[in-house]
Amino acid sequence: MTSGTSSEVAPRGRGRRPGGADTRAAILEAARKSFAAKGYDKASMRGIAREAGVDPALVHHYFEGGKAALFVETLEVPVNPTELIDGILDGDVDRLGWRIVETFLTVWEPPERRDALVALVRSSITSDEAARMLREFLGREVFGRVAASTGVADPQLRGALAASQMLGLIVGRYVVRLPALVAATREELVEGLGPVLQSHLVDRAATPE
């Protein structure tokens, strides 16, 4: 029987990855897997850290905006929707619907952004996983957040109704390219859809008798 020697290497358990050049990439890869498997709502920062083999504090260090910021980066979206929502909410609630349409069009119009955003929408149409992630993210972090800020009744439903209007516009103007929507000016679209979003997201005060 042979005895062990000092040159033998003991099995090494999975430890936490220290911060370094590849740590951020490992977190992003773990996040992609987690979002794909669980969807946006059920994925957690702690679970993503565990999958990446890092301390949860490192995830927050690299992605200070939390789960929303991490999700946006995994999809390689060229803008952070949560930052845009801050701008939308910082204004008169009486013009909220119009401001949403104006903001979305401002984001989508530049050609350098449009290709990436159209690719994202196309993937959500053809992939159940992508559709679930986008649906949950828009519902919670974008339109759900706007609806909740106004105190509207049933904010998740009202936010979903608003999201359906904007997704319809995006698909019609940039993906399917309906001629009338393509030809419409930004001002026409803002004035046409602004009141619709306003009705979904802001409860009108009762008219005195």
C-alpha atoms as a PDB file:
ATOM      1  CA  MET A   1       0.000   0.000   0.000  1.00  0.00           C
ATOM      2  CA  THR A   2       1.397   3.364  -0.920  1.00  0.00           C
ATOM      3  CA  SER A   3       1.267   6.222   1.530  1.00  0.00           C
ATOM      4  CA  GLY A   4       0.304   9.797   0.676  1.00  0.00           C
ATOM      5  CA  THR A   5       2.981  12.364  -0.013  1.00  0.00           C
ATOM      6  CA  SER A   6       3.118  16.081   0.496  1.00  0.00           C
ATOM      7  CA  SER A   7       2.886  16.568  -3.282  1.00  0.00           C
ATOM      8  CA  GLU A   8      -0.713  15.302  -3.369  1.00  0.00           C
ATOM      9  CA  VAL A   9      -3.298  18.013  -3.952  1.00  0.00           C
ATOM     10  CA  ALA A  10      -6.315  17.973  -1.683  1.00  0.00           C
ATOM     11  CA  PRO A  11      -9.727  18.511  -3.302  1.00  0.00           C
ATOM     12  CA  ARG A  12     -10.639  22.170  -3.265  1.00  0.00           C
ATOM     13  CA  GLY A  13     -14.146  23.250  -2.476  1.00  0.00           C
ATOM     14  CA  ARG A  14     -15.868  26.014  -4.318  1.00  0.00           C
ATOM     15  CA  GLY A  15     -14.898  29.254  -2.643  1.00  0.00           C
ATOM     16  CA  ARG A  16     -15.987  32.801  -3.264  1.00  0.00           C
ATOM     17  CA  ARG A  17     -14.339  34.538  -6.157  1.00  0.00           C
ATOM     18  CA  PRO A  18     -12.340  37.603  -5.095  1.00  0.00           C
ATOM     19  CA  GLY A  19     -12.855  40.910  -6.829  1.00  0.00           C
ATOM     20  CA  GLY A  20     -10.875  41.152 -10.040  1.00  0.00           C
ATOM     21  CA  ALA A  21     -10.938  41.660 -13.772  1.00  0.00           C
ATOM     22  CA  ASP A  22     -13.182  38.661 -14.470  1.00  0.00           C
ATOM     23  CA  THR A  23     -15.535  39.070 -11.515  1.00  0.00           C
ATOM     24  CA  ARG A  24     -17.916  41.420 -13.268  1.00  0.00           C
ATOM     25  CA  ALA A  25     -18.142  39.099 -16.253  1.00  0.00           C
ATOM     26  CA  ALA A  26     -18.851  36.152 -13.970  1.00  0.00           C
ATOM     27  CA  ILE A  27     -21.663  38.081 -12.280  1.00  0.00           C
ATOM     28  CA  LEU A  28     -23.204  39.003 -15.642  1.00  0.00           C
ATOM     29  CA  GLU A  29     -23.068  35.396 -16.831  1.00  0.00           C
ATOM     30  CA  ALA A  30     -24.655  34.180 -13.601  1.00  0.00           C
ATOM     31  CA  ALA A  31     -27.331  36.859 -13.923  1.00  0.00           C
ATOM     32  CA  ARG A  32     -28.162  35.815 -17.497  1.00  0.00           C
ATOM     33  CA  LYS A  33     -28.661  32.229 -16.374  1.00  0.00           C
ATOM     34  CA  SER A  34     -30.712  33.228 -13.358  1.00  0.00           C
ATOM     35  CA  PHE A  35     -32.995  35.616 -15.252  1.00  0.00           C
ATOM     36  CA  ALA A  36     -33.511  33.038 -18.013  1.00  0.00           C
ATOM     37  CA  ALA A  37     -34.316  30.230 -15.583  1.00  0.00           C
ATOM     38  CA  LYS A  38     -36.400  32.131 -13.038  1.00  0.00           C
ATOM     39  CA  GLY A  39     -37.586  35.284 -14.768  1.00  0.00           C
ATOM     40  CA  TYR A  40     -37.011  38.817 -13.529  1.00  0.00           C
ATOM     41  CA  ASP A  41     -39.291  38.679 -10.491  1.00  0.00           C
ATOM     42  CA  LYS A  42     -37.902  35.498  -8.915  1.00  0.00           C
ATOM     43  CA  ALA A  43     -34.216  36.046  -9.619  1.00  0.00           C
ATOM     44  CA  SER A  44     -32.417  37.533  -6.614  1.00  0.00           C
ATOM     45  CA  MET A  45     -29.144  39.360  -6.144  1.00  0.00           C
ATOM     46  CA  ARG A  46     -28.131  36.864  -3.447  1.00  0.00           C
ATOM     47  CA  GLY A  47     -28.853  33.910  -5.716  1.00  0.00           C
ATOM     48  CA  ILE A  48     -26.892  35.497  -8.563  1.00  0.00           C
ATOM     49  CA  ALA A  49     -23.957  36.077  -6.209  1.00  0.00           C
ATOM     50  CA  ARG A  50     -24.080  32.434  -5.147  1.00  0.00           C
ATOM     51  CA  GLU A  51     -24.116  31.259  -8.766  1.00  0.00           C
ATOM     52  CA  ALA A  52     -21.145  33.524  -9.574  1.00  0.00           C
ATOM     53  CA  GLY A  53     -19.233  32.410  -6.477  1.00  0.00           C
ATOM     54  CA  VAL A  54     -18.892  35.924  -5.064  1.00  0.00           C
ATOM     55  CA  ASP A  55     -19.939  37.762  -1.956  1.00  0.00           C
ATOM     56  CA  PRO A  56     -23.329  39.506  -2.430  1.00  0.00           C
ATOM     57  CA  ALA A  57     -21.659  42.801  -1.551  1.00  0.00           C
ATOM     58  CA  LEU A  58     -19.559  42.511  -4.706  1.00  0.00           C
ATOM     59  CA  VAL A  59     -22.668  42.288  -6.866  1.00  0.00           C
ATOM     60  CA  HIS A  60     -23.942  45.533  -5.351  1.00  0.00           C
ATOM     61  CA  HIS A  61     -20.474  47.051  -5.756  1.00  0.00           C
ATOM     62  CA  TYR A  62     -20.401  46.408  -9.502  1.00  0.00           C
ATOM     63  CA  PHE A  63     -24.108  47.139 -10.043  1.00  0.00           C
ATOM     64  CA  GLU A  64     -25.073  49.954  -7.722  1.00  0.00           C
ATOM     65  CA  GLY A  65     -28.496  50.253  -9.328  1.00  0.00           C
ATOM     66  CA  GLY A  66     -29.455  46.831  -7.992  1.00  0.00           C
ATOM     67  CA  LYS A  67     -31.310  44.102  -9.866  1.00  0.00           C
ATOM     68  CA  ALA A  68     -32.779  46.487 -12.426  1.00  0.00           C
ATOM     69  CA  ALA A  69     -29.343  47.773 -13.457  1.00  0.00           C
ATOM     70  CA  LEU A  70     -27.980  44.232 -13.618  1.00  0.00           C
ATOM     71  CA  PHE A  71     -30.893  43.081 -15.770  1.00  0.00           C
ATOM     72  CA  VAL A  72     -30.491  45.975 -18.198  1.00  0.00           C
ATOM     73  CA  GLU A  73     -26.821  45.164 -18.666  1.00  0.00           C
ATOM     74  CA  THR A  74     -27.405  41.453 -19.239  1.00  0.00           C
ATOM     75  CA  LEU A  75     -29.687  42.378 -22.142  1.00  0.00           C
ATOM     76  CA  GLU A  76     -27.128  44.888 -23.435  1.00  0.00           C
ATOM     77  CA  VAL A  77     -29.787  47.582 -23.622  1.00  0.00           C
ATOM     78  CA  PRO A  78     -28.168  50.922 -24.551  1.00  0.00           C
ATOM     79  CA  VAL A  79     -30.188  52.903 -21.993  1.00  0.00           C
ATOM     80  CA  ASN A  80     -31.261  52.296 -18.412  1.00  0.00           C
ATOM     81  CA  PRO A  81     -35.079  52.492 -18.240  1.00  0.00           C
ATOM     82  CA  THR A  82     -35.105  53.097 -14.497  1.00  0.00           C
ATOM     83  CA  GLU A  83     -33.114  56.306 -14.957  1.00  0.00           C
ATOM     84  CA  LEU A  84     -35.598  57.455 -17.587  1.00  0.00           C
ATOM     85  CA  ILE A  85     -38.473  56.802 -15.191  1.00  0.00           C
ATOM     86  CA  ASP A  86     -36.871  59.150 -12.659  1.00  0.00           C
ATOM     87  CA  GLY A  87     -37.074  61.897 -15.286  1.00  0.00           C
ATOM     88  CA  ILE A  88     -40.643  61.012 -16.212  1.00  0.00           C
ATOM     89  CA  LEU A  89     -41.785  61.176 -12.601  1.00  0.00           C
ATOM     90  CA  ASP A  90     -40.044  64.503 -12.016  1.00  0.00           C
ATOM     91  CA  GLY A  91     -42.775  66.643 -13.506  1.00  0.00           C
ATOM     92  CA  ASP A  92     -46.414  67.650 -13.458  1.00  0.00           C
ATOM     93  CA  VAL A  93     -48.660  64.594 -13.070  1.00  0.00           C
ATOM     94  CA  ASP A  94     -51.224  66.266 -15.350  1.00  0.00           C
ATOM     95  CA  ARG A  95     -48.837  65.730 -18.294  1.00  0.00           C
ATOM     96  CA  LEU A  96     -47.488  62.338 -17.247  1.00  0.00           C
ATOM     97  CA  GLY A  97     -48.885  60.377 -20.199  1.00  0.00           C
ATOM     98  CA  TRP A  98     -47.517  62.804 -22.758  1.00  0.00           C
ATOM     99  CA  ARG A  99     -44.132  62.820 -21.033  1.00  0.00           C
ATOM    100  CA  ILE A 100     -43.901  59.008 -21.211  1.00  0.00           C
ATOM    101  CA  VAL A 101     -44.504  58.938 -24.959  1.00  0.00           C
ATOM    102  CA  GLU A 102     -42.045  61.787 -25.537  1.00  0.00           C
ATOM    103  CA  THR A 103     -39.375  60.025 -23.453  1.00  0.00           C
ATOM    104  CA  PHE A 104     -39.785  56.677 -25.177  1.00  0.00           C
ATOM    105  CA  LEU A 105     -39.591  58.238 -28.619  1.00  0.00           C
ATOM    106  CA  THR A 106     -36.511  60.218 -27.623  1.00  0.00           C
ATOM    107  CA  VAL A 107     -34.849  56.935 -26.646  1.00  0.00           C
ATOM    108  CA  TRP A 108     -35.890  55.010 -29.753  1.00  0.00           C
ATOM    109  CA  GLU A 109     -35.340  57.597 -32.491  1.00  0.00           C
ATOM    110  CA  PRO A 110     -31.497  57.677 -32.613  1.00  0.00           C
ATOM    111  CA  PRO A 111     -30.347  54.966 -35.105  1.00  0.00           C
ATOM    112  CA  GLU A 112     -27.433  53.922 -32.881  1.00  0.00           C
ATOM    113  CA  ARG A 113     -29.910  52.831 -30.191  1.00  0.00           C
ATOM    114  CA  ARG A 114     -32.739  51.621 -32.374  1.00  0.00           C
ATOM    115  CA  ASP A 115     -31.078  48.468 -33.714  1.00  0.00           C
ATOM    116  CA  ALA A 116     -30.342  47.110 -30.240  1.00  0.00           C
ATOM    117  CA  LEU A 117     -33.826  47.937 -28.950  1.00  0.00           C
ATOM    118  CA  VAL A 118     -35.553  46.442 -31.986  1.00  0.00           C
ATOM    119  CA  ALA A 119     -33.486  43.276 -31.495  1.00  0.00           C
ATOM    120  CA  LEU A 120     -34.675  43.138 -27.891  1.00  0.00           C
ATOM    121  CA  VAL A 121     -38.326  43.432 -28.894  1.00  0.00           C
ATOM    122  CA  ARG A 122     -37.918  40.863 -31.679  1.00  0.00           C
ATOM    123  CA  SER A 123     -36.388  38.379 -29.232  1.00  0.00           C
ATOM    124  CA  SER A 124     -39.316  38.853 -26.873  1.00  0.00           C
ATOM    125  CA  ILE A 125     -41.691  37.935 -29.709  1.00  0.00           C
ATOM    126  CA  THR A 126     -39.874  34.726 -30.668  1.00  0.00           C
ATOM    127  CA  SER A 127     -38.591  33.532 -27.262  1.00  0.00           C
ATOM    128  CA  ASP A 128     -40.767  32.689 -24.269  1.00  0.00           C
ATOM    129  CA  GLU A 129     -37.842  33.303 -21.908  1.00  0.00           C
ATOM    130  CA  ALA A 130     -37.098  36.733 -23.358  1.00  0.00           C
ATOM    131  CA  ALA A 131     -40.797  37.625 -23.325  1.00  0.00           C
ATOM    132  CA  ARG A 132     -41.155  36.701 -19.669  1.00  0.00           C
ATOM    133  CA  MET A 133     -38.092  38.671 -18.616  1.00  0.00           C
ATOM    134  CA  LEU A 134     -39.106  41.772 -20.567  1.00  0.00           C
ATOM    135  CA  ARG A 135     -42.718  41.518 -19.396  1.00  0.00           C
ATOM    136  CA  GLU A 136     -41.797  41.232 -15.731  1.00  0.00           C
ATOM    137  CA  PHE A 137     -39.203  43.990 -15.942  1.00  0.00           C
ATOM    138  CA  LEU A 138     -41.528  46.444 -17.689  1.00  0.00           C
ATOM    139  CA  GLY A 139     -44.358  45.559 -15.350  1.00  0.00           C
ATOM    140  CA  ARG A 140     -42.385  46.044 -12.139  1.00  0.00           C
ATOM    141  CA  GLU A 141     -39.575  48.507 -12.820  1.00  0.00           C
ATOM    142  CA  VAL A 142     -41.084  50.737 -15.489  1.00  0.00           C
ATOM    143  CA  PHE A 143     -44.848  51.049 -15.878  1.00  0.00           C
ATOM    144  CA  GLY A 144     -45.699  49.448 -12.544  1.00  0.00           C
ATOM    145  CA  ARG A 145     -43.443  51.955 -10.833  1.00  0.00           C
ATOM    146  CA  VAL A 146     -45.055  54.875 -12.669  1.00  0.00           C
ATOM    147  CA  ALA A 147     -48.567  53.668 -11.842  1.00  0.00           C
ATOM    148  CA  ALA A 148     -47.663  53.138  -8.188  1.00  0.00           C
ATOM    149  CA  SER A 149     -46.300  56.684  -7.964  1.00  0.00           C
ATOM    150  CA  THR A 150     -49.662  58.203  -8.893  1.00  0.00           C
ATOM    151  CA  GLY A 151     -51.648  56.218  -6.341  1.00  0.00           C
ATOM    152  CA  VAL A 152     -53.855  54.774  -9.078  1.00  0.00           C
ATOM    153  CA  ALA A 153     -56.117  51.843  -8.206  1.00  0.00           C
ATOM    154  CA  ASP A 154     -54.693  48.426  -9.241  1.00  0.00           C
ATOM    155  CA  PRO A 155     -51.300  49.806 -10.354  1.00  0.00           C
ATOM    156  CA  GLN A 156     -50.063  46.518 -11.833  1.00  0.00           C
ATOM    157  CA  LEU A 157     -53.023  46.250 -14.214  1.00  0.00           C
ATOM    158  CA  ARG A 158     -52.994  49.935 -15.088  1.00  0.00           C
ATOM    159  CA  GLY A 159     -49.252  49.780 -15.659  1.00  0.00           C
ATOM    160  CA  ALA A 160     -49.693  46.747 -17.921  1.00  0.00           C
ATOM    161  CA  LEU A 161     -52.326  48.588 -19.957  1.00  0.00           C
ATOM    162  CA  ALA A 162     -49.932  51.495 -20.442  1.00  0.00           C
ATOM    163  CA  ALA A 163     -47.108  49.124 -21.358  1.00  0.00           C
ATOM    164  CA  SER A 164     -49.304  47.464 -23.987  1.00  0.00           C
ATOM    165  CA  GLN A 165     -49.881  50.838 -25.641  1.00  0.00           C
ATOM    166  CA  MET A 166     -46.180  51.663 -25.826  1.00  0.00           C
ATOM    167  CA  LEU A 167     -45.138  48.182 -26.963  1.00  0.00           C
ATOM    168  CA  GLY A 168     -47.797  48.366 -29.666  1.00  0.00           C
ATOM    169  CA  LEU A 169     -46.365  51.667 -30.854  1.00  0.00           C
ATOM    170  CA  ILE A 170     -42.809  50.326 -30.831  1.00  0.00           C
ATOM    171  CA  VAL A 171     -43.726  47.183 -32.769  1.00  0.00           C
ATOM    172  CA  GLY A 172     -45.889  49.090 -35.245  1.00  0.00           C
ATOM    173  CA  ARG A 173     -43.421  51.922 -35.910  1.00  0.00           C
ATOM    174  CA  TYR A 174     -40.049  50.163 -35.732  1.00  0.00           C
ATOM    175  CA  VAL A 175     -40.605  46.421 -36.239  1.00  0.00           C
ATOM    176  CA  VAL A 176     -43.650  45.950 -38.516  1.00  0.00           C
ATOM    177  CA  ARG A 177     -43.233  49.513 -39.830  1.00  0.00           C
ATOM    178  CA  LEU A 178     -46.861  50.412 -40.452  1.00  0.00           C
ATOM    179  CA  PRO A 179     -46.674  53.261 -43.021  1.00  0.00           C
ATOM    180  CA  ALA A 180     -48.890  55.716 -41.117  1.00  0.00           C
ATOM    181  CA  LEU A 181     -46.912  55.214 -37.884  1.00  0.00           C
ATOM    182  CA  VAL A 182     -43.571  55.494 -39.676  1.00  0.00           C
ATOM    183  CA  ALA A 183     -44.681  58.727 -41.366  1.00  0.00           C
ATOM    184  CA  ALA A 184     -46.140  60.284 -38.207  1.00  0.00           C
ATOM    185  CA  THR A 185     -44.124  63.011 -36.504  1.00  0.00           C
ATOM    186  CA  ARG A 186     -43.078  62.724 -32.901  1.00  0.00           C
ATOM    187  CA  GLU A 187     -45.506  65.497 -31.985  1.00  0.00           C
ATOM    188  CA  GLU A 188     -48.417  63.629 -33.603  1.00  0.00           C
ATOM    189  CA  LEU A 189     -47.601  60.455 -31.718  1.00  0.00           C
ATOM    190  CA  VAL A 190     -47.212  62.274 -28.411  1.00  0.00           C
ATOM    191  CA  GLU A 191     -50.532  64.044 -28.814  1.00  0.00           C
ATOM    192  CA  GLY A 192     -52.275  60.879 -30.000  1.00  0.00           C
ATOM    193  CA  LEU A 193     -51.055  58.513 -27.295  1.00  0.00           C
ATOM    194  CA  GLY A 194     -50.409  60.897 -24.399  1.00  0.00           C
ATOM    195  CA  PRO A 195     -54.074  61.109 -23.332  1.00  0.00           C
ATOM    196  CA  VAL A 196     -54.441  57.309 -23.566  1.00  0.00           C
ATOM    197  CA  LEU A 197     -51.532  56.664 -21.221  1.00  0.00           C
ATOM    198  CA  GLN A 198     -52.765  59.433 -18.939  1.00  0.00           C
ATOM    199  CA  SER A 199     -56.131  57.687 -18.588  1.00  0.00           C
ATOM    200  CA  HIS A 200     -54.418  54.416 -17.681  1.00  0.00           C
ATOM    201  CA  LEU A 201     -51.963  55.835 -15.166  1.00  0.00           C
ATOM    202  CA  VAL A 202     -53.743  58.752 -13.498  1.00  0.00           C
ATOM    203  CA  ASP A 203     -57.165  58.619 -11.883  1.00  0.00           C
ATOM    204  CA  ARG A 204     -59.142  61.740 -12.632  1.00  0.00           C
ATOM    205  CA  ALA A 205     -60.655  63.535  -9.685  1.00  0.00           C
ATOM    206  CA  ALA A 206     -64.399  63.108  -9.410  1.00  0.00           C
ATOM    207  CA  THR A 207     -66.323  65.951 -11.009  1.00  0.00           C
ATOM    208  CA  PRO A 208     -68.297  67.927  -8.375  1.00  0.00           C
ATOM    209  CA  GLU A 209     -72.061  67.699  -8.828  1.00  0.00           C
END
